[in-house]
Amino acid sequence: MSRITPVRSRASDTRSAARVGIKDVARLADVSPGTVSNVLNHPERVSPARRAAVEQAIEQLGYIRHEAARHLRAGYSRTVGLLLLDAWNPGFIEVARGVEDTTSSRGWTVLLSNSARDSEREQTYLRLFAEGRLAGLIVVPHDLLAEDLHRIRSGGAPVVVVDRDESGADSMSVAVDDVTGGQLAAEHLIALGHRHLAFVGDEAAAAPVHDRLTGVRKAIAEANVDVRLDVLPSELTVDAGRARGEELAAMPPDRRPTAVTAAIDLLAFGVLQALLQHGIRVPHDVSLVGYDDIPFARQLSVPLTTVRRPHYAMGTTAAHMLTSVLSGEAPEQRHLVFQPELVVRESTGAPALSS
């Protein structure tokens, strides 16, 4: 009967890789710890023979360089934080993509977190970012954050706030003129002949939603005709939009708004789904406008008219601001407000009935 000899992993030959340090590598390579450090950080200073010995020892022991500890000892980090408001929203994913593409091209790593529109969770992440000694932070906020951001800034880390216009001299921000965006949506519907509008979304959920509703009201106030507005508060999810769509579908046609503008595209998706399921035609019976122009908006069964926000450009701009400061350069601008754009597709048209 043959004998089976168990195979020992390389990391278990002496100790786990997590416990192997520079001194262990130096001992095995028969060099000083300083020589190991030079191989890791300044290999050009070490002779080829000693460098090869150190690299062989690293391979044999399974040594893993502890970047976080090295950065803390040096007092700096090559990692920046990104705190998103809602990682389920494809628009914010585009912001994150813009941030990561830009930071990685400049030699920085991004640590991503999601507050999920939860104030306590947001504060927890901000505290962790402050304690983690990250180089800087990009945040899409839920609350005002003044105290939490002050704590991070006072620790020497620059902060860029996205989706909020902060015009202070010591701050940096990237935002969109959402008042104009809401106004564009309502003006489009009024120009089509709609006189009974509904806004779906909770203005208390986020400052940009408040601004969009302000823009809708501004368009109505400046119209030369009488326009009625129903505000239907709602969470900012597809399911919440579907629930509001069910309510709209249950209304008698002569009392139902002929046009709906949603605070975000995800809400509009839910509204559209409910209306179509109940045989209400979009846009023949009800016109619908979203907000964001996320990638799926043009791919719906009824391509969605929406207000486009340049999410990717918001991310790249915020990252350029942050990495410029971290590199000791003055950013081209510390505050930028993008202008939104109305994108007209097939979900809006003239009303079939006057209201």
Protein backbone atom coordinates (compact mmCIF):
# COMPACT_ATOMS: atom_id res chain seq x y z
CA MET A 1 0.00 0.00 0.00
CA SER A 2 1.47 3.30 -1.06
CA ARG A 3 2.01 6.06 1.43
CA ILE A 4 0.56 9.49 0.69
CA THR A 5 2.68 12.42 1.82
CA PRO A 6 0.62 15.57 2.45
CA VAL A 7 1.68 18.61 0.43
CA ARG A 8 2.39 21.69 2.51
CA SER A 9 1.57 25.09 1.05
CA ARG A 10 4.42 27.53 0.56
CA ALA A 11 2.93 29.94 3.10
CA SER A 12 2.78 27.21 5.74
CA ASP A 13 6.46 26.22 5.40
CA THR A 14 7.44 28.68 8.12
CA ARG A 15 4.52 30.98 9.00
CA SER A 16 1.50 32.48 7.33
CA ALA A 17 2.17 35.09 4.64
CA ALA A 18 0.28 37.65 6.68
CA ARG A 19 2.94 37.35 9.46
CA VAL A 20 6.01 37.41 7.24
CA GLY A 21 7.90 40.68 7.54
CA ILE A 22 10.88 42.45 6.05
CA LYS A 23 13.19 41.05 8.75
CA ASP A 24 12.22 37.50 7.78
CA VAL A 25 13.02 38.23 4.14
CA ALA A 26 16.34 39.85 5.14
CA ARG A 27 17.33 36.86 7.29
CA LEU A 28 16.63 34.36 4.52
CA ALA A 29 18.39 36.46 1.85
CA ASP A 30 21.31 37.17 4.22
CA VAL A 31 21.03 40.93 3.75
CA SER A 32 20.02 43.84 5.95
CA PRO A 33 16.37 44.96 6.30
CA GLY A 34 17.43 48.21 4.65
CA THR A 35 18.50 46.30 1.57
CA VAL A 36 15.07 44.61 1.42
CA SER A 37 13.43 48.02 1.73
CA ASN A 38 15.52 49.33 -1.13
CA VAL A 39 14.61 46.37 -3.33
CA LEU A 40 10.94 47.17 -2.70
CA ASN A 41 11.16 50.93 -3.07
CA HIS A 42 14.41 51.78 -4.90
CA PRO A 43 15.60 48.62 -6.69
CA GLU A 44 18.08 50.63 -8.77
CA ARG A 45 20.15 51.13 -5.61
CA VAL A 46 20.74 47.40 -5.11
CA SER A 47 23.19 45.19 -6.99
CA PRO A 48 21.62 42.59 -9.31
CA ALA A 49 22.93 39.71 -7.17
CA ARG A 50 21.48 41.02 -3.90
CA ARG A 51 18.27 42.02 -5.63
CA ALA A 52 17.87 38.50 -6.99
CA ALA A 53 18.48 37.03 -3.51
CA VAL A 54 15.85 39.25 -1.96
CA GLU A 55 13.31 38.54 -4.71
CA GLN A 56 13.91 34.80 -4.27
CA ALA A 57 13.36 35.11 -0.51
CA ILE A 58 10.15 37.07 -1.07
CA GLU A 59 8.91 34.38 -3.41
CA GLN A 60 9.89 31.54 -1.07
CA LEU A 61 8.30 33.09 2.03
CA GLY A 62 5.23 34.44 0.26
CA TYR A 63 5.88 37.92 1.61
CA ILE A 64 3.07 40.39 0.87
CA ARG A 65 3.84 44.07 1.04
CA HIS A 66 1.53 45.88 3.46
CA GLU A 67 0.83 49.07 1.53
CA ALA A 68 -1.62 50.48 4.08
CA ALA A 69 0.88 50.20 6.93
CA ARG A 70 3.64 51.70 4.80
CA HIS A 71 1.45 54.66 3.91
CA LEU A 72 0.47 55.26 7.53
CA ARG A 73 4.12 55.23 8.60
CA ALA A 74 4.93 57.68 5.82
CA GLY A 75 1.91 59.83 6.66
CA TYR A 76 0.29 59.62 3.24
CA SER A 77 -1.86 57.33 1.13
CA ARG A 78 -2.40 56.71 -2.56
CA THR A 79 -6.05 55.87 -1.92
CA VAL A 80 -9.01 58.23 -2.24
CA GLY A 81 -12.52 57.57 -0.98
CA LEU A 82 -15.72 57.74 -3.03
CA LEU A 83 -19.01 57.76 -1.13
CA LEU A 84 -22.05 57.33 -3.37
CA LEU A 85 -25.58 58.31 -2.45
CA ASP A 86 -27.22 55.37 -4.22
CA ALA A 87 -25.19 52.68 -5.94
CA TRP A 88 -28.40 51.19 -7.38
CA ASN A 89 -28.87 54.29 -9.54
CA PRO A 90 -27.02 53.80 -12.85
CA GLY A 91 -26.37 57.54 -12.96
CA PHE A 92 -24.19 57.36 -9.87
CA ILE A 93 -22.43 54.31 -11.27
CA GLU A 94 -21.48 56.52 -14.22
CA VAL A 95 -20.13 59.08 -11.75
CA ALA A 96 -18.06 56.31 -10.14
CA ARG A 97 -16.79 55.16 -13.53
CA GLY A 98 -15.65 58.69 -14.34
CA VAL A 99 -13.91 58.96 -10.98
CA GLU A 100 -12.14 55.62 -11.30
CA ASP A 101 -11.05 56.12 -14.91
CA THR A 102 -9.48 59.45 -14.01
CA THR A 103 -7.88 58.52 -10.69
CA SER A 104 -6.41 55.27 -11.97
CA SER A 105 -4.82 57.04 -14.93
CA ARG A 106 -3.06 59.31 -12.44
CA GLY A 107 -1.86 56.52 -10.14
CA TRP A 108 -4.55 56.60 -7.44
CA THR A 109 -6.78 53.84 -6.06
CA VAL A 110 -10.47 54.36 -5.23
CA LEU A 111 -12.19 52.96 -2.14
CA LEU A 112 -15.93 52.91 -2.92
CA SER A 113 -18.79 52.95 -0.39
CA ASN A 114 -22.55 53.37 -0.70
CA SER A 115 -24.66 55.28 1.83
CA ALA A 116 -27.91 53.97 0.24
CA ARG A 117 -29.65 57.26 1.12
CA ASP A 118 -29.22 56.44 4.83
CA SER A 119 -27.97 59.34 6.98
CA GLU A 120 -26.55 57.17 9.77
CA ARG A 121 -24.79 54.92 7.30
CA GLU A 122 -23.38 57.97 5.57
CA GLN A 123 -22.01 59.37 8.83
CA THR A 124 -20.47 56.00 9.69
CA TYR A 125 -18.61 55.85 6.38
CA LEU A 126 -17.42 59.44 6.74
CA ARG A 127 -16.03 58.67 10.19
CA LEU A 128 -14.25 55.62 8.80
CA PHE A 129 -12.82 57.68 5.95
CA ALA A 130 -11.59 60.29 8.45
CA GLU A 131 -9.95 57.63 10.62
CA GLY A 132 -8.49 55.76 7.67
CA ARG A 133 -6.22 58.64 6.66
CA LEU A 134 -7.22 58.53 3.02
CA ALA A 135 -5.56 61.06 0.77
CA GLY A 136 -8.88 62.68 -0.16
CA LEU A 137 -12.59 62.12 -0.61
CA ILE A 138 -15.25 62.53 -3.29
CA VAL A 139 -18.76 62.38 -1.85
CA VAL A 140 -22.26 62.40 -3.30
CA PRO A 141 -24.04 63.48 -0.11
CA HIS A 142 -27.39 62.73 1.44
CA ASP A 143 -27.33 65.30 4.23
CA LEU A 144 -25.61 68.65 4.66
CA LEU A 145 -22.51 66.99 6.09
CA ALA A 146 -20.90 70.21 7.34
CA GLU A 147 -19.55 68.72 10.59
CA ASP A 148 -18.41 65.43 9.08
CA LEU A 149 -16.70 67.05 6.12
CA HIS A 150 -15.04 69.61 8.39
CA ARG A 151 -13.55 66.71 10.38
CA ILE A 152 -12.05 65.24 7.22
CA ARG A 153 -10.81 68.58 5.89
CA SER A 154 -9.30 69.51 9.25
CA GLY A 155 -7.27 66.30 9.02
CA GLY A 156 -5.67 67.64 5.86
CA ALA A 157 -7.63 65.63 3.29
CA PRO A 158 -9.24 67.58 0.44
CA VAL A 159 -12.90 66.89 -0.32
CA VAL A 160 -14.94 67.28 -3.51
CA VAL A 161 -18.72 67.33 -3.11
CA VAL A 162 -20.68 66.05 -6.11
CA ASP A 163 -24.31 66.91 -6.89
CA ARG A 164 -24.28 69.83 -4.48
CA ASP A 165 -23.14 73.38 -5.24
CA GLU A 166 -20.76 74.40 -2.45
CA SER A 167 -19.25 77.76 -3.26
CA GLY A 168 -17.01 78.18 -0.20
CA ALA A 169 -13.40 79.24 -0.74
CA ASP A 170 -12.06 76.14 1.05
CA SER A 171 -14.34 73.67 -0.75
CA MET A 172 -14.61 72.03 -4.17
CA SER A 173 -17.85 70.95 -5.82
CA VAL A 174 -19.38 69.61 -9.02
CA ALA A 175 -23.11 70.01 -9.55
CA VAL A 176 -25.87 70.29 -12.13
CA ASP A 177 -28.35 73.17 -12.45
CA ASP A 178 -31.35 71.05 -11.53
CA VAL A 179 -33.69 74.03 -11.24
CA THR A 180 -33.14 74.60 -14.95
CA GLY A 181 -33.56 70.86 -15.54
CA GLY A 182 -36.96 70.75 -13.87
CA GLN A 183 -37.95 73.87 -15.76
CA LEU A 184 -36.97 72.32 -19.10
CA ALA A 185 -39.14 69.27 -18.40
CA ALA A 186 -42.22 71.31 -17.48
CA GLU A 187 -41.78 73.84 -20.28
CA HIS A 188 -41.65 70.98 -22.79
CA LEU A 189 -44.94 69.55 -21.51
CA ILE A 190 -46.65 72.93 -21.36
CA ALA A 191 -45.53 73.71 -24.91
CA LEU A 192 -47.13 70.43 -26.04
CA GLY A 193 -50.44 71.67 -24.62
CA HIS A 194 -50.59 69.93 -21.24
CA ARG A 195 -52.44 71.86 -18.54
CA HIS A 196 -52.54 69.26 -15.76
CA LEU A 197 -49.13 67.99 -14.65
CA ALA A 198 -47.93 65.69 -11.90
CA PHE A 199 -44.50 65.61 -10.27
CA VAL A 200 -43.51 62.24 -8.80
CA GLY A 201 -40.78 62.37 -6.16
CA ASP A 202 -40.10 63.49 -2.60
CA GLU A 203 -38.38 66.86 -2.50
CA ALA A 204 -37.21 66.08 1.05
CA ALA A 205 -35.28 63.04 -0.20
CA ALA A 206 -32.40 65.05 -1.66
CA ALA A 207 -31.56 68.65 -2.49
CA PRO A 208 -31.42 67.99 -6.27
CA VAL A 209 -34.99 66.64 -6.18
CA HIS A 210 -36.10 69.80 -4.38
CA ASP A 211 -34.40 71.85 -7.10
CA ARG A 212 -36.14 69.91 -9.87
CA LEU A 213 -39.54 70.52 -8.33
CA THR A 214 -38.62 74.19 -7.92
CA GLY A 215 -37.87 74.29 -11.64
CA VAL A 216 -41.22 72.71 -12.50
CA ARG A 217 -43.03 75.28 -10.38
CA LYS A 218 -41.00 78.08 -11.96
CA ALA A 219 -42.03 76.98 -15.45
CA ILE A 220 -45.68 76.90 -14.42
CA ALA A 221 -45.44 80.34 -12.78
CA GLU A 222 -43.90 81.81 -15.92
CA ALA A 223 -46.36 80.18 -18.34
CA ASN A 224 -48.94 82.40 -19.99
CA VAL A 225 -51.63 79.80 -19.36
CA ASP A 226 -53.20 78.21 -16.29
CA VAL A 227 -51.48 74.95 -15.38
CA ARG A 228 -52.39 72.66 -12.50
CA LEU A 229 -49.70 70.70 -10.67
CA ASP A 230 -50.17 67.63 -8.48
CA VAL A 231 -47.16 66.68 -6.34
CA LEU A 232 -47.02 62.97 -5.55
CA PRO A 233 -44.29 62.37 -2.92
CA SER A 234 -42.45 59.13 -3.50
CA GLU A 235 -39.28 57.27 -2.65
CA LEU A 236 -36.77 57.24 -5.48
CA THR A 237 -37.11 53.64 -6.65
CA VAL A 238 -38.70 51.71 -9.49
CA ASP A 239 -41.13 50.04 -7.06
CA ALA A 240 -42.22 53.40 -5.69
CA GLY A 241 -42.76 54.66 -9.24
CA ARG A 242 -44.86 51.61 -10.00
CA ALA A 243 -47.03 52.34 -6.95
CA ARG A 244 -47.56 55.93 -8.08
CA GLY A 245 -48.34 54.68 -11.56
CA GLU A 246 -51.03 52.41 -10.09
CA GLU A 247 -52.58 55.44 -8.39
CA LEU A 248 -52.57 57.41 -11.61
CA ALA A 249 -54.09 54.51 -13.53
CA ALA A 250 -56.92 54.25 -10.99
CA MET A 251 -57.97 57.89 -11.50
CA PRO A 252 -60.88 58.72 -13.81
CA PRO A 253 -59.51 59.96 -17.13
CA ASP A 254 -61.03 63.42 -16.68
CA ARG A 255 -59.20 63.84 -13.33
CA ARG A 256 -55.93 62.19 -14.25
CA PRO A 257 -52.94 64.41 -15.08
CA THR A 258 -52.17 64.29 -18.78
CA ALA A 259 -48.43 64.49 -18.17
CA VAL A 260 -46.05 63.28 -15.48
CA THR A 261 -42.52 64.41 -14.75
CA ALA A 262 -40.53 62.11 -12.48
CA ALA A 263 -37.69 63.15 -10.17
CA ILE A 264 -35.40 60.43 -11.59
CA ASP A 265 -35.53 57.96 -14.46
CA LEU A 266 -35.96 54.96 -12.14
CA LEU A 267 -39.24 56.43 -10.89
CA ALA A 268 -40.35 57.05 -14.46
CA PHE A 269 -39.62 53.40 -15.32
CA GLY A 270 -42.02 52.25 -12.60
CA VAL A 271 -44.71 54.74 -13.60
CA LEU A 272 -44.46 53.65 -17.23
CA GLN A 273 -44.70 49.98 -16.34
CA ALA A 274 -47.86 50.48 -14.26
CA LEU A 275 -49.58 52.68 -16.82
CA LEU A 276 -48.94 50.26 -19.68
CA GLN A 277 -50.11 47.28 -17.62
CA HIS A 278 -53.44 49.05 -17.12
CA GLY A 279 -53.85 49.81 -20.81
CA ILE A 280 -53.05 53.51 -20.48
CA ARG A 281 -51.13 54.56 -23.57
CA VAL A 282 -47.94 56.59 -23.31
CA PRO A 283 -47.89 59.26 -24.65
CA HIS A 284 -51.39 59.18 -26.16
CA ASP A 285 -53.16 59.15 -22.77
CA VAL A 286 -50.34 60.30 -20.46
CA SER A 287 -47.02 61.85 -21.38
CA LEU A 288 -44.02 61.00 -19.23
CA VAL A 289 -40.67 62.72 -18.61
CA GLY A 290 -37.82 61.24 -16.59
CA TYR A 291 -34.65 62.79 -15.22
CA ASP A 292 -31.02 61.61 -15.58
CA ASP A 293 -30.95 59.92 -19.00
CA ILE A 294 -29.44 56.71 -17.66
CA PRO A 295 -28.46 54.18 -20.35
CA PHE A 296 -31.72 52.20 -20.16
CA ALA A 297 -33.92 55.24 -20.83
CA ARG A 298 -33.68 54.93 -24.61
CA GLN A 299 -34.19 51.15 -24.53
CA LEU A 300 -37.65 51.01 -22.94
CA SER A 301 -40.69 49.80 -24.85
CA VAL A 302 -41.55 53.49 -25.05
CA PRO A 303 -38.20 55.35 -25.23
CA LEU A 304 -38.20 57.90 -22.46
CA THR A 305 -38.09 61.65 -22.84
CA THR A 306 -35.78 62.78 -20.06
CA VAL A 307 -33.44 65.47 -18.78
CA ARG A 308 -29.83 64.46 -19.33
CA ARG A 309 -27.21 64.98 -16.64
CA PRO A 310 -23.55 64.41 -17.60
CA HIS A 311 -22.80 61.85 -14.90
CA TYR A 312 -19.53 60.56 -16.33
CA ALA A 313 -18.22 64.10 -16.83
CA MET A 314 -19.23 64.93 -13.26
CA GLY A 315 -17.07 62.04 -12.06
CA THR A 316 -14.07 62.91 -14.21
CA THR A 317 -14.27 66.58 -13.22
CA ALA A 318 -14.45 65.78 -9.51
CA ALA A 319 -11.50 63.40 -9.83
CA HIS A 320 -9.43 65.97 -11.73
CA MET A 321 -10.11 68.54 -9.00
CA LEU A 322 -9.10 66.13 -6.23
CA THR A 323 -6.01 64.64 -7.84
CA SER A 324 -4.76 68.07 -8.89
CA VAL A 325 -4.83 69.25 -5.28
CA LEU A 326 -3.23 66.00 -4.10
CA SER A 327 -0.44 66.50 -6.65
CA GLY A 328 0.22 70.01 -5.36
CA GLU A 329 -1.36 71.68 -8.37
CA ALA A 330 -4.08 74.31 -8.46
CA PRO A 331 -7.22 72.83 -10.08
CA GLU A 332 -8.48 74.65 -13.16
CA GLN A 333 -11.65 75.41 -11.24
CA ARG A 334 -12.89 74.61 -7.75
CA HIS A 335 -16.60 74.81 -8.50
CA LEU A 336 -18.40 73.74 -11.65
CA VAL A 337 -22.13 73.64 -12.39
CA PHE A 338 -23.11 71.68 -15.50
CA GLN A 339 -26.17 72.60 -17.53
CA PRO A 340 -28.73 69.82 -18.13
CA GLU A 341 -30.19 68.97 -21.53
CA LEU A 342 -33.71 67.94 -22.50
CA VAL A 343 -33.71 64.76 -24.60
CA VAL A 344 -37.03 64.30 -26.40
CA ARG A 345 -38.04 60.75 -27.25
CA GLU A 346 -41.32 58.91 -27.73
CA SER A 347 -42.87 59.15 -24.23
CA THR A 348 -44.17 62.71 -24.69
CA GLY A 349 -46.72 64.18 -27.08
CA ALA A 350 -49.72 66.47 -27.25
CA PRO A 351 -52.58 65.56 -24.87
CA ALA A 352 -55.48 63.62 -26.33
CA LEU A 353 -57.97 65.39 -24.01
CA SER A 354 -57.90 68.86 -22.48
CA SER A 355 -57.86 68.89 -18.68
